[in-house]
Protein backbone atom coordinates (compact mmCIF):
# COMPACT_ATOMS: atom_id res chain seq x y z
CA MET A 1 214.94 70.79 -1.77
CA GLY A 2 217.51 68.84 -3.22
CA SER A 3 219.80 68.22 -0.31
CA HIS A 4 216.93 67.05 1.84
CA LEU A 5 215.62 64.31 -1.18
CA SER A 6 219.64 63.39 -1.10
CA LYS A 7 219.33 62.90 2.86
CA GLN A 8 216.07 61.03 3.09
CA LEU A 9 217.82 58.51 0.43
CA GLU A 10 220.90 58.30 2.27
CA ARG A 11 219.32 57.68 5.16
CA ARG A 12 216.85 54.91 3.35
CA LYS A 13 220.03 53.58 2.33
CA ALA A 14 221.53 53.13 5.78
CA ILE A 15 218.26 51.62 6.97
CA SER A 16 217.77 48.88 4.29
CA THR A 17 221.76 48.26 5.47
CA GLU A 18 221.42 47.71 9.22
CA LYS A 19 218.21 45.32 7.95
CA LYS A 20 220.52 43.53 6.60
CA VAL A 21 223.00 43.29 8.42
CA LEU A 22 220.68 42.14 11.11
CA ALA A 23 219.21 39.82 8.97
CA ASP A 24 222.98 37.94 8.07
CA LEU A 25 223.02 38.20 11.80
CA GLN A 26 219.86 36.38 12.64
CA LYS A 27 220.64 33.86 9.72
CA SER A 28 224.39 33.52 11.01
CA CYS A 29 223.50 32.85 14.19
CA GLY A 30 221.11 30.19 13.37
CA CYS A 31 218.67 31.35 16.08
CA LYS A 32 216.76 33.91 17.13
CA PHE A 33 217.09 35.28 20.81
CA PRO A 34 214.44 34.09 23.12
CA GLY A 35 210.40 35.93 22.95
CA SER A 36 212.15 37.94 20.30
CA ASP A 37 209.10 37.39 18.18
CA TYR A 38 206.77 38.62 20.98
CA MET A 39 205.51 41.91 19.54
CA PRO A 40 202.33 42.70 22.35
CA SER A 41 199.74 45.68 21.26
CA ASP A 42 199.54 46.99 24.57
CA ARG A 43 203.40 47.64 26.11
CA LYS A 44 202.35 49.29 28.99
CA ASN A 45 200.83 45.55 30.24
CA TRP A 46 203.71 43.42 27.59
CA MET A 47 204.48 40.98 31.24
CA SER A 48 201.25 40.03 31.38
CA GLY A 49 201.56 37.97 28.01
CA VAL A 50 204.42 36.70 29.26
CA GLY A 51 203.15 33.75 31.47
CA PRO A 52 206.03 31.01 32.82
CA GLU A 53 205.13 28.77 30.85
CA LYS A 54 206.09 31.10 27.36
CA LEU A 55 209.37 31.99 28.48
CA HIS A 56 210.89 31.85 32.14
CA ILE A 57 212.92 35.21 33.56
CA ASN A 58 215.33 34.46 33.19
CA LYS A 59 215.15 33.66 29.14
CA ILE A 60 213.39 37.39 28.62
CA VAL A 61 215.65 39.87 26.54
CA TRP A 62 215.23 43.23 28.98
CA PRO A 63 214.08 46.32 27.21
CA GLY A 64 215.53 49.07 29.09
CA THR A 65 217.12 53.08 28.73
CA HIS A 66 220.31 54.75 29.52
CA ASP A 67 220.30 57.59 32.16
CA SER A 68 217.26 57.04 32.35
CA ALA A 69 215.87 59.88 34.27
CA THR A 70 217.72 62.31 31.98
CA ASN A 71 214.53 63.87 30.28
CA LYS A 72 215.14 67.31 32.11
CA ILE A 73 218.78 67.70 32.45
CA GLY A 74 220.73 70.46 31.80
CA ILE A 75 219.94 73.46 30.20
CA ARG A 76 218.05 73.40 27.34
CA LEU A 77 220.09 74.25 23.77
CA VAL A 78 223.21 74.75 26.17
CA SER A 79 223.48 71.56 28.30
CA ARG A 80 221.05 69.36 27.58
CA PRO A 81 222.20 68.42 24.25
CA PHE A 82 224.51 66.82 25.16
CA ALA A 83 223.44 65.33 28.87
CA GLN A 84 220.43 64.56 28.00
CA CYS A 85 220.05 60.40 26.41
CA GLN A 86 216.53 59.98 27.23
CA SER A 87 213.14 62.55 26.07
CA LEU A 88 210.25 60.61 27.93
CA SER A 89 209.58 61.10 31.89
CA ILE A 90 210.23 57.73 33.74
CA TYR A 91 206.81 57.03 33.81
CA ASN A 92 206.42 57.87 30.05
CA GLN A 93 209.28 54.99 29.09
CA LEU A 94 207.80 51.89 31.39
CA VAL A 95 204.33 53.05 29.37
CA ALA A 96 206.29 52.44 26.13
CA GLY A 97 207.98 49.09 27.42
CA ALA A 98 211.26 49.75 29.00
CA ARG A 99 211.75 47.91 32.12
CA VAL A 100 215.06 48.92 32.71
CA LEU A 101 215.73 51.78 34.13
CA ASP A 102 219.26 52.91 35.40
CA ILE A 103 219.84 55.78 37.62
CA ARG A 104 222.27 57.41 38.71
CA VAL A 105 222.48 59.75 42.29
CA GLN A 106 223.96 61.86 44.12
CA GLU A 107 224.53 62.01 47.36
CA ASP A 108 222.22 64.81 47.62
CA ARG A 109 219.37 62.39 46.11
CA ARG A 110 219.45 63.73 42.93
CA VAL A 111 219.66 62.26 40.13
CA CYS A 112 222.52 63.21 37.62
CA HIS A 113 224.76 62.33 34.59
CA GLY A 114 228.02 63.24 35.38
CA ILE A 115 228.62 66.22 36.98
CA LEU A 116 224.98 67.69 35.76
CA LYS A 117 221.89 66.88 38.46
CA THR A 118 218.16 67.07 37.50
CA TYR A 119 215.51 66.55 39.99
CA SER A 120 215.46 64.50 42.69
CA VAL A 121 215.03 60.64 43.14
CA ASP A 122 212.08 60.86 44.53
CA VAL A 123 210.00 62.04 41.34
CA VAL A 124 211.66 58.58 39.73
CA LEU A 125 210.26 56.81 43.02
CA ALA A 126 206.54 58.74 42.11
CA ASP A 127 206.35 57.70 38.58
CA LEU A 128 207.29 54.56 39.49
CA LYS A 129 205.11 53.71 42.07
CA ARG A 130 202.03 55.43 39.58
CA PHE A 131 203.24 52.68 36.81
CA LEU A 132 203.15 50.19 39.24
CA SER A 133 199.57 50.95 41.23
CA GLU A 134 198.55 51.11 37.54
CA THR A 135 199.01 47.60 36.04
CA GLN A 136 199.34 43.89 37.90
CA SER A 137 202.25 41.64 36.26
CA GLU A 138 204.87 44.19 35.70
CA ILE A 139 208.51 44.23 37.18
CA VAL A 140 210.59 47.14 36.83
CA ILE A 141 214.74 46.60 37.64
CA LEU A 142 216.05 49.20 38.78
CA GLU A 143 219.89 49.96 38.59
CA ILE A 144 220.65 52.89 40.68
CA ARG A 145 224.34 53.74 41.28
CA THR A 146 226.85 56.93 41.98
CA GLU A 147 228.97 58.38 39.27
CA PHE A 148 232.79 59.24 39.16
CA GLY A 149 233.41 58.20 42.69
CA HIS A 150 230.70 59.53 44.97
CA GLU A 151 229.41 58.13 47.82
CA ASP A 152 225.62 56.84 48.44
CA PRO A 153 223.26 59.02 49.62
CA LEU A 154 223.25 58.52 53.34
CA ASP A 155 220.65 55.74 54.58
CA PHE A 156 219.35 55.05 50.85
CA ASP A 157 218.74 51.48 51.06
CA LYS A 158 216.92 52.23 54.24
CA TYR A 159 214.71 55.07 52.06
CA LEU A 160 214.41 53.48 49.19
CA VAL A 161 212.74 50.49 50.89
CA GLU A 162 210.36 52.62 52.95
CA GLN A 163 209.29 54.51 49.47
CA LEU A 164 208.80 50.94 47.18
CA GLY A 165 208.43 48.59 49.96
CA GLU A 166 205.62 47.05 49.06
CA HIS A 167 207.12 46.85 45.23
CA LEU A 168 209.79 44.70 46.04
CA ILE A 169 210.52 41.51 45.47
CA ASN A 170 212.90 39.35 47.86
């Protein structure tokens, strides 16, 4: 009980210190990030409240996730603790407000983190299309790349256009 209480107190102190550091940083900069005071109640549709009259698209601080498609990577309790960066599916990350997705693929169109593979990129695209079909004003940025010198999947650009064509901005 005592060590648990001690850990809670340490955590509260760390959070308090972090808040102070952030407040000092904000004070020393003399400004806030554009839009940093915008706190939407509906994270799924947060962009609908950011019209061009409020904030230009190039001034938005885009919330995103690192290694976005790793929620089911690896073997539970073996490799997952070392490779999993996200616990939510792509769809649920988007519903939570993420708008930039970091997707790593291998030649076989499977999502990966380092050498560990997870599900097909089709799962990612299905979640993305589901989200976009349920929303009107949301924009999602995909950063799709390979790792460790792997080749791009064959005709991957063409495949993405076929899958996402109606949702792409040219």
